[in-house]
């Protein structure tokens, strides 16, 4: 029997999932996504809001699966001058 999981190459979050209210370089934050997801660890990923706008690069520092959810701790490693659409 397999475990259902999804591989994500970006971190797309809503406010309810833990999208930070304000972004700053070096900032750490926690987020929660439904389902079991795989993210690349220690490699910058784009942080995308609910409108598919990329605002920063983040690095996943911790990933946990628990109760059908994926919990991550991420760190902002780069802020973009202007957001851009990734979809």
PDB file of N, CA and C in Angstrom:
ATOM      1  N   UNK A   1       0.854  -1.178   0.000  1.00  0.00           N
ATOM      2  CA  UNK A   1       0.000   0.000   0.000  1.00  0.00           C
ATOM      3  C   UNK A   1       0.899   1.239   0.000  1.00  0.00           C
ATOM      4  N   UNK A   2       0.612   2.182  -0.861  1.00  0.00           N
ATOM      5  CA  UNK A   2       1.423   3.393  -0.966  1.00  0.00           C
ATOM      6  C   UNK A   2       0.884   4.520  -0.114  1.00  0.00           C
ATOM      7  N   UNK A   3       1.719   5.503   0.073  1.00  0.00           N
ATOM      8  CA  UNK A   3       1.320   6.704   0.822  1.00  0.00           C
ATOM      9  C   UNK A   3       1.063   7.816  -0.183  1.00  0.00           C
ATOM     10  N   UNK A   4      -0.131   8.394  -0.203  1.00  0.00           N
ATOM     11  CA  UNK A   4      -0.385   9.491  -1.141  1.00  0.00           C
ATOM     12  C   UNK A   4       0.424  10.724  -0.744  1.00  0.00           C
ATOM     13  N   UNK A   5       1.197  11.254  -1.676  1.00  0.00           N
ATOM     14  CA  UNK A   5       1.971  12.459  -1.392  1.00  0.00           C
ATOM     15  C   UNK A   5       2.102  13.269  -2.671  1.00  0.00           C
ATOM     16  N   UNK A   6       2.439  14.534  -2.483  1.00  0.00           N
ATOM     17  CA  UNK A   6       2.553  15.476  -3.593  1.00  0.00           C
ATOM     18  C   UNK A   6       3.911  16.154  -3.492  1.00  0.00           C
ATOM     19  N   UNK A   7       4.611  16.288  -4.606  1.00  0.00           N
ATOM     20  CA  UNK A   7       5.879  17.007  -4.623  1.00  0.00           C
ATOM     21  C   UNK A   7       5.616  18.451  -5.026  1.00  0.00           C
ATOM     22  N   UNK A   8       6.104  19.397  -4.231  1.00  0.00           N
ATOM     23  CA  UNK A   8       5.910  20.816  -4.503  1.00  0.00           C
ATOM     24  C   UNK A   8       7.249  21.490  -4.752  1.00  0.00           C
ATOM     25  N   UNK A   9       7.334  22.262  -5.850  1.00  0.00           N
ATOM     26  CA  UNK A   9       8.553  22.981  -6.201  1.00  0.00           C
ATOM     27  C   UNK A   9       8.479  24.454  -5.810  1.00  0.00           C
ATOM     28  N   UNK A  10       7.307  24.901  -5.325  1.00  0.00           N
ATOM     29  CA  UNK A  10       7.133  26.243  -4.774  1.00  0.00           C
ATOM     30  C   UNK A  10       6.373  26.093  -3.463  1.00  0.00           C
ATOM     31  N   UNK A  11       6.380  27.135  -2.651  1.00  0.00           N
ATOM     32  CA  UNK A  11       5.596  27.145  -1.424  1.00  0.00           C
ATOM     33  C   UNK A  11       4.478  28.164  -1.602  1.00  0.00           C
ATOM     34  N   UNK A  12       3.274  27.680  -1.925  1.00  0.00           N
ATOM     35  CA  UNK A  12       2.108  28.539  -2.128  1.00  0.00           C
ATOM     36  C   UNK A  12       1.254  28.472  -0.869  1.00  0.00           C
ATOM     37  N   UNK A  13       1.024  29.640  -0.260  1.00  0.00           N
ATOM     38  CA  UNK A  13       0.307  29.700   1.009  1.00  0.00           C
ATOM     39  C   UNK A  13      -0.770  30.769   0.992  1.00  0.00           C
ATOM     40  N   UNK A  14      -1.811  30.520   1.762  1.00  0.00           N
ATOM     41  CA  UNK A  14      -2.802  31.542   2.081  1.00  0.00           C
ATOM     42  C   UNK A  14      -2.488  32.031   3.499  1.00  0.00           C
ATOM     43  N   UNK A  15      -3.145  33.091   3.905  1.00  0.00           N
ATOM     44  CA  UNK A  15      -2.952  33.596   5.274  1.00  0.00           C
ATOM     45  C   UNK A  15      -3.325  32.526   6.300  1.00  0.00           C
ATOM     46  N   UNK A  16      -4.397  31.782   6.037  1.00  0.00           N
ATOM     47  CA  UNK A  16      -4.844  30.742   6.962  1.00  0.00           C
ATOM     48  C   UNK A  16      -3.829  29.604   7.089  1.00  0.00           C
ATOM     49  N   UNK A  17      -3.025  29.385   6.053  1.00  0.00           N
ATOM     50  CA  UNK A  17      -2.012  28.333   6.083  1.00  0.00           C
ATOM     51  C   UNK A  17      -0.702  28.801   6.709  1.00  0.00           C
ATOM     52  N   UNK A  18      -0.560  30.103   6.925  1.00  0.00           N
ATOM     53  CA  UNK A  18       0.644  30.615   7.563  1.00  0.00           C
ATOM     54  C   UNK A  18       1.453  31.589   6.743  1.00  0.00           C
ATOM     55  N   UNK A  19       0.869  32.133   5.648  1.00  0.00           N
ATOM     56  CA  UNK A  19       1.604  33.132   4.870  1.00  0.00           C
ATOM     57  C   UNK A  19       1.895  34.323   5.787  1.00  0.00           C
ATOM     58  N   UNK A  20       3.152  34.739   5.897  1.00  0.00           N
ATOM     59  CA  UNK A  20       3.497  35.839   6.815  1.00  0.00           C
ATOM     60  C   UNK A  20       2.825  37.157   6.431  1.00  0.00           C
ATOM     61  N   UNK A  21       2.388  37.912   7.426  1.00  0.00           N
ATOM     62  CA  UNK A  21       1.770  39.210   7.182  1.00  0.00           C
ATOM     63  C   UNK A  21       2.743  40.207   6.591  1.00  0.00           C
ATOM     64  N   UNK A  22       3.987  40.115   6.997  1.00  0.00           N
ATOM     65  CA  UNK A  22       5.033  40.988   6.475  1.00  0.00           C
ATOM     66  C   UNK A  22       6.291  40.147   6.315  1.00  0.00           C
ATOM     67  N   UNK A  23       7.021  40.377   5.251  1.00  0.00           N
ATOM     68  CA  UNK A  23       8.217  39.591   4.966  1.00  0.00           C
ATOM     69  C   UNK A  23       9.475  40.399   5.241  1.00  0.00           C
ATOM     70  N   UNK A  24      10.462  39.747   5.856  1.00  0.00           N
ATOM     71  CA  UNK A  24      11.764  40.379   6.046  1.00  0.00           C
ATOM     72  C   UNK A  24      12.851  39.320   5.879  1.00  0.00           C
ATOM     73  N   UNK A  25      13.986  39.735   5.397  1.00  0.00           N
ATOM     74  CA  UNK A  25      15.111  38.842   5.155  1.00  0.00           C
ATOM     75  C   UNK A  25      15.537  38.167   6.455  1.00  0.00           C
ATOM     76  N   UNK A  26      15.722  36.863   6.418  1.00  0.00           N
ATOM     77  CA  UNK A  26      16.139  36.111   7.593  1.00  0.00           C
ATOM     78  C   UNK A  26      14.999  35.670   8.491  1.00  0.00           C
ATOM     79  N   UNK A  27      13.797  36.112   8.191  1.00  0.00           N
ATOM     80  CA  UNK A  27      12.621  35.783   8.986  1.00  0.00           C
ATOM     81  C   UNK A  27      12.280  34.298   8.869  1.00  0.00           C
ATOM     82  N   UNK A  28      11.969  33.671   9.994  1.00  0.00           N
ATOM     83  CA  UNK A  28      11.479  32.294   9.999  1.00  0.00           C
ATOM     84  C   UNK A  28       9.985  32.313  10.271  1.00  0.00           C
ATOM     85  N   UNK A  29       9.268  31.378   9.672  1.00  0.00           N
ATOM     86  CA  UNK A  29       7.840  31.264   9.922  1.00  0.00           C
ATOM     87  C   UNK A  29       7.424  29.810   9.745  1.00  0.00           C
ATOM     88  N   UNK A  30       6.264  29.479  10.306  1.00  0.00           N
ATOM     89  CA  UNK A  30       5.716  28.142  10.186  1.00  0.00           C
ATOM     90  C   UNK A  30       4.469  28.180   9.326  1.00  0.00           C
ATOM     91  N   UNK A  31       4.242  27.094   8.601  1.00  0.00           N
ATOM     92  CA  UNK A  31       3.068  26.995   7.745  1.00  0.00           C
ATOM     93  C   UNK A  31       2.546  25.569   7.795  1.00  0.00           C
ATOM     94  N   UNK A  32       1.286  25.446   7.416  1.00  0.00           N
ATOM     95  CA  UNK A  32       0.597  24.158   7.458  1.00  0.00           C
ATOM     96  C   UNK A  32      -0.167  23.967   6.149  1.00  0.00           C
ATOM     97  N   UNK A  33       0.062  22.835   5.481  1.00  0.00           N
ATOM     98  CA  UNK A  33      -0.628  22.493   4.240  1.00  0.00           C
ATOM     99  C   UNK A  33      -1.357  21.168   4.439  1.00  0.00           C
ATOM    100  N   UNK A  34      -2.514  21.030   3.819  1.00  0.00           N
ATOM    101  CA  UNK A  34      -3.241  19.769   3.912  1.00  0.00           C
ATOM    102  C   UNK A  34      -2.548  18.703   3.068  1.00  0.00           C
ATOM    103  N   UNK A  35      -2.675  17.464   3.468  1.00  0.00           N
ATOM    104  CA  UNK A  35      -2.072  16.355   2.740  1.00  0.00           C
ATOM    105  C   UNK A  35      -0.589  16.207   3.042  1.00  0.00           C
ATOM    106  N   UNK A  36      -0.022  15.141   2.525  1.00  0.00           N
ATOM    107  CA  UNK A  36       1.402  14.881   2.692  1.00  0.00           C
ATOM    108  C   UNK A  36       2.139  15.416   1.479  1.00  0.00           C
ATOM    109  N   UNK A  37       3.069  16.324   1.711  1.00  0.00           N
ATOM    110  CA  UNK A  37       3.790  16.995   0.630  1.00  0.00           C
ATOM    111  C   UNK A  37       5.289  16.849   0.834  1.00  0.00           C
ATOM    112  N   UNK A  38       5.986  16.793  -0.277  1.00  0.00           N
ATOM    113  CA  UNK A  38       7.446  16.762  -0.273  1.00  0.00           C
ATOM    114  C   UNK A  38       7.953  18.098  -0.796  1.00  0.00           C
ATOM    115  N   UNK A  39       8.934  18.655  -0.116  1.00  0.00           N
ATOM    116  CA  UNK A  39       9.604  19.880  -0.542  1.00  0.00           C
ATOM    117  C   UNK A  39      11.103  19.621  -0.534  1.00  0.00           C
ATOM    118  N   UNK A  40      11.823  20.288  -1.396  1.00  0.00           N
ATOM    119  CA  UNK A  40      13.279  20.234  -1.361  1.00  0.00           C
ATOM    120  C   UNK A  40      13.729  20.955  -0.093  1.00  0.00           C
ATOM    121  N   UNK A  41      14.663  20.358   0.608  1.00  0.00           N
ATOM    122  CA  UNK A  41      15.169  20.958   1.846  1.00  0.00           C
ATOM    123  C   UNK A  41      16.447  21.751   1.559  1.00  0.00           C
ATOM    124  N   UNK A  42      16.601  22.881   2.242  1.00  0.00           N
ATOM    125  CA  UNK A  42      17.827  23.688   2.199  1.00  0.00           C
ATOM    126  C   UNK A  42      18.170  24.217   0.809  1.00  0.00           C
ATOM    127  N   UNK A  43      17.181  24.339  -0.064  1.00  0.00           N
ATOM    128  CA  UNK A  43      17.339  24.907  -1.405  1.00  0.00           C
ATOM    129  C   UNK A  43      16.255  25.975  -1.568  1.00  0.00           C
ATOM    130  N   UNK A  44      16.568  27.176  -2.045  1.00  0.00           N
ATOM    131  CA  UNK A  44      15.552  28.222  -2.170  1.00  0.00           C
ATOM    132  C   UNK A  44      14.385  27.834  -3.082  1.00  0.00           C
ATOM    133  N   UNK A  45      13.176  28.120  -2.602  1.00  0.00           N
ATOM    134  CA  UNK A  45      11.926  27.938  -3.347  1.00  0.00           C
ATOM    135  C   UNK A  45      11.199  29.272  -3.375  1.00  0.00           C
ATOM    136  N   UNK A  46      10.378  29.480  -4.383  1.00  0.00           N
ATOM    137  CA  UNK A  46       9.589  30.710  -4.428  1.00  0.00           C
ATOM    138  C   UNK A  46       8.443  30.641  -3.422  1.00  0.00           C
ATOM    139  N   UNK A  47       8.233  31.732  -2.703  1.00  0.00           N
ATOM    140  CA  UNK A  47       7.082  31.877  -1.817  1.00  0.00           C
ATOM    141  C   UNK A  47       6.003  32.614  -2.591  1.00  0.00           C
ATOM    142  N   UNK A  48       4.852  31.966  -2.758  1.00  0.00           N
ATOM    143  CA  UNK A  48       3.783  32.460  -3.604  1.00  0.00           C
ATOM    144  C   UNK A  48       2.523  32.644  -2.762  1.00  0.00           C
ATOM    145  N   UNK A  49       1.813  33.750  -2.992  1.00  0.00           N
ATOM    146  CA  UNK A  49       0.574  33.997  -2.255  1.00  0.00           C
ATOM    147  C   UNK A  49      -0.620  33.352  -2.962  1.00  0.00           C
ATOM    148  N   UNK A  50      -1.810  33.551  -2.439  1.00  0.00           N
ATOM    149  CA  UNK A  50      -3.013  32.915  -2.990  1.00  0.00           C
ATOM    150  C   UNK A  50      -3.367  33.410  -4.390  1.00  0.00           C
ATOM    151  N   UNK A  51      -2.768  34.521  -4.839  1.00  0.00           N
ATOM    152  CA  UNK A  51      -3.001  35.061  -6.184  1.00  0.00           C
ATOM    153  C   UNK A  51      -1.893  34.659  -7.157  1.00  0.00           C
ATOM    154  N   UNK A  52      -1.057  33.703  -6.753  1.00  0.00           N
ATOM    155  CA  UNK A  52       0.063  33.200  -7.547  1.00  0.00           C
ATOM    156  C   UNK A  52       1.137  34.267  -7.798  1.00  0.00           C
ATOM    157  N   UNK A  53       1.277  35.220  -6.874  1.00  0.00           N
ATOM    158  CA  UNK A  53       2.331  36.232  -6.949  1.00  0.00           C
ATOM    159  C   UNK A  53       3.514  35.785  -6.093  1.00  0.00           C
ATOM    160  N   UNK A  54       4.698  35.718  -6.696  1.00  0.00           N
ATOM    161  CA  UNK A  54       5.914  35.361  -5.965  1.00  0.00           C
ATOM    162  C   UNK A  54       6.502  36.627  -5.340  1.00  0.00           C
ATOM    163  N   UNK A  55       6.775  36.575  -4.058  1.00  0.00           N
ATOM    164  CA  UNK A  55       7.275  37.731  -3.309  1.00  0.00           C
ATOM    165  C   UNK A  55       8.692  37.543  -2.785  1.00  0.00           C
ATOM    166  N   UNK A  56       9.120  36.279  -2.641  1.00  0.00           N
ATOM    167  CA  UNK A  56      10.408  36.014  -2.006  1.00  0.00           C
ATOM    168  C   UNK A  56      10.843  34.589  -2.311  1.00  0.00           C
ATOM    169  N   UNK A  57      12.095  34.308  -1.996  1.00  0.00           N
ATOM    170  CA  UNK A  57      12.590  32.939  -1.969  1.00  0.00           C
ATOM    171  C   UNK A  57      12.693  32.527  -0.507  1.00  0.00           C
ATOM    172  N   UNK A  58      12.287  31.306  -0.234  1.00  0.00           N
ATOM    173  CA  UNK A  58      12.394  30.766   1.120  1.00  0.00           C
ATOM    174  C   UNK A  58      13.113  29.428   1.057  1.00  0.00           C
ATOM    175  N   UNK A  59      13.696  29.045   2.157  1.00  0.00           N
ATOM    176  CA  UNK A  59      14.334  27.746   2.291  1.00  0.00           C
ATOM    177  C   UNK A  59      13.597  26.977   3.380  1.00  0.00           C
ATOM    178  N   UNK A  60      13.172  25.759   3.062  1.00  0.00           N
ATOM    179  CA  UNK A  60      12.518  24.900   4.045  1.00  0.00           C
ATOM    180  C   UNK A  60      13.595  24.363   4.981  1.00  0.00           C
ATOM    181  N   UNK A  61      13.441  24.628   6.260  1.00  0.00           N
ATOM    182  CA  UNK A  61      14.422  24.185   7.257  1.00  0.00           C
ATOM    183  C   UNK A  61      13.937  22.966   8.040  1.00  0.00           C
ATOM    184  N   UNK A  62      12.616  22.805   8.126  1.00  0.00           N
ATOM    185  CA  UNK A  62      12.051  21.670   8.855  1.00  0.00           C
ATOM    186  C   UNK A  62      10.749  21.268   8.184  1.00  0.00           C
ATOM    187  N   UNK A  63      10.506  19.963   8.090  1.00  0.00           N
ATOM    188  CA  UNK A  63       9.292  19.435   7.486  1.00  0.00           C
ATOM    189  C   UNK A  63       8.803  18.266   8.335  1.00  0.00           C
ATOM    190  N   UNK A  64       7.524  18.287   8.681  1.00  0.00           N
ATOM    191  CA  UNK A  64       6.931  17.197   9.461  1.00  0.00           C
ATOM    192  C   UNK A  64       5.592  16.813   8.857  1.00  0.00           C
ATOM    193  N   UNK A  65       5.287  15.538   8.904  1.00  0.00           N
ATOM    194  CA  UNK A  65       3.973  15.044   8.500  1.00  0.00           C
ATOM    195  C   UNK A  65       3.247  14.589   9.748  1.00  0.00           C
ATOM    196  N   UNK A  66       2.009  14.993   9.881  1.00  0.00           N
ATOM    197  CA  UNK A  66       1.261  14.634  11.078  1.00  0.00           C
ATOM    198  C   UNK A  66      -0.231  14.763  10.806  1.00  0.00           C
ATOM    199  N   UNK A  67      -0.989  13.705  11.031  1.00  0.00           N
ATOM    200  CA  UNK A  67      -2.437  13.769  10.933  1.00  0.00           C
ATOM    201  C   UNK A  67      -2.968  14.225   9.587  1.00  0.00           C
ATOM    202  N   UNK A  68      -2.337  13.805   8.503  1.00  0.00           N
ATOM    203  CA  UNK A  68      -2.800  14.177   7.174  1.00  0.00           C
ATOM    204  C   UNK A  68      -2.416  15.581   6.753  1.00  0.00           C
ATOM    205  N   UNK A  69      -1.475  16.197   7.466  1.00  0.00           N
ATOM    206  CA  UNK A  69      -1.006  17.551   7.135  1.00  0.00           C
ATOM    207  C   UNK A  69       0.510  17.573   7.045  1.00  0.00           C
ATOM    208  N   UNK A  70       1.003  18.570   6.343  1.00  0.00           N
ATOM    209  CA  UNK A  70       2.434  18.825   6.259  1.00  0.00           C
ATOM    210  C   UNK A  70       2.719  20.133   6.977  1.00  0.00           C
ATOM    211  N   UNK A  71       3.636  20.081   7.922  1.00  0.00           N
ATOM    212  CA  UNK A  71       4.039  21.264   8.682  1.00  0.00           C
ATOM    213  C   UNK A  71       5.464  21.623   8.279  1.00  0.00           C
ATOM    214  N   UNK A  72       5.697  22.893   7.948  1.00  0.00           N
ATOM    215  CA  UNK A  72       7.034  23.325   7.559  1.00  0.00           C
ATOM    216  C   UNK A  72       7.456  24.545   8.371  1.00  0.00           C
ATOM    217  N   UNK A  73       8.759  24.641   8.566  1.00  0.00           N
ATOM    218  CA  UNK A  73       9.362  25.871   9.077  1.00  0.00           C
ATOM    219  C   UNK A  73      10.268  26.342   7.967  1.00  0.00           C
ATOM    220  N   UNK A  74      10.063  27.586   7.533  1.00  0.00           N
ATOM    221  CA  UNK A  74      10.807  28.142   6.409  1.00  0.00           C
ATOM    222  C   UNK A  74      11.494  29.439   6.824  1.00  0.00           C
ATOM    223  N   UNK A  75      12.536  29.794   6.077  1.00  0.00           N
ATOM    224  CA  UNK A  75      13.284  31.030   6.320  1.00  0.00           C
ATOM    225  C   UNK A  75      13.336  31.831   5.021  1.00  0.00           C
ATOM    226  N   UNK A  76      13.069  33.125   5.117  1.00  0.00           N
ATOM    227  CA  UNK A  76      13.140  34.015   3.957  1.00  0.00           C
ATOM    228  C   UNK A  76      14.613  34.277   3.658  1.00  0.00           C
ATOM    229  N   UNK A  77      15.047  33.917   2.437  1.00  0.00           N
ATOM    230  CA  UNK A  77      16.453  34.084   2.072  1.00  0.00           C
ATOM    231  C   UNK A  77      16.657  35.136   0.982  1.00  0.00           C
ATOM    232  N   UNK A  78      15.570  35.587   0.356  1.00  0.00           N
ATOM    233  CA  UNK A  78      15.668  36.628  -0.677  1.00  0.00           C
ATOM    234  C   UNK A  78      14.308  37.297  -0.842  1.00  0.00           C
ATOM    235  N   UNK A  79      14.311  38.618  -0.898  1.00  0.00           N
ATOM    236  CA  UNK A  79      13.097  39.385  -1.176  1.00  0.00           C
ATOM    237  C   UNK A  79      13.191  39.937  -2.591  1.00  0.00           C
ATOM    238  N   UNK A  80      12.111  39.855  -3.342  1.00  0.00           N
ATOM    239  CA  UNK A  80      12.091  40.396  -4.694  1.00  0.00           C
ATOM    240  C   UNK A  80      11.768  41.888  -4.658  1.00  0.00           C
ATOM    241  N   UNK A  81      12.323  42.656  -5.598  1.00  0.00           N
ATOM    242  CA  UNK A  81      12.014  44.082  -5.699  1.00  0.00           C
ATOM    243  C   UNK A  81      10.537  44.297  -5.998  1.00  0.00           C
ATOM    244  N   UNK A  82       9.994  43.448  -6.868  1.00  0.00           N
ATOM    245  CA  UNK A  82       8.573  43.504  -7.237  1.00  0.00           C
ATOM    246  C   UNK A  82       8.057  42.079  -7.338  1.00  0.00           C
ATOM    247  N   UNK A  83       6.833  41.836  -6.909  1.00  0.00           N
ATOM    248  CA  UNK A  83       6.261  40.511  -7.085  1.00  0.00           C
ATOM    249  C   UNK A  83       5.997  40.229  -8.564  1.00  0.00           C
ATOM    250  N   UNK A  84       5.942  38.953  -8.911  1.00  0.00           N
ATOM    251  CA  UNK A  84       5.619  38.576 -10.284  1.00  0.00           C
ATOM    252  C   UNK A  84       4.754  37.325 -10.268  1.00  0.00           C
ATOM    253  N   UNK A  85       3.957  37.177 -11.308  1.00  0.00           N
ATOM    254  CA  UNK A  85       3.024  36.064 -11.419  1.00  0.00           C
ATOM    255  C   UNK A  85       3.766  34.810 -11.879  1.00  0.00           C
ATOM    256  N   UNK A  86       3.520  33.693 -11.208  1.00  0.00           N
ATOM    257  CA  UNK A  86       4.178  32.446 -11.586  1.00  0.00           C
ATOM    258  C   UNK A  86       3.222  31.462 -12.260  1.00  0.00           C
ATOM    259  N   UNK A  87       1.977  31.828 -12.421  1.00  0.00           N
ATOM    260  CA  UNK A  87       1.014  30.937 -13.076  1.00  0.00           C
ATOM    261  C   UNK A  87       0.562  31.521 -14.392  1.00  0.00           C
TER     262      UNK A  87
END
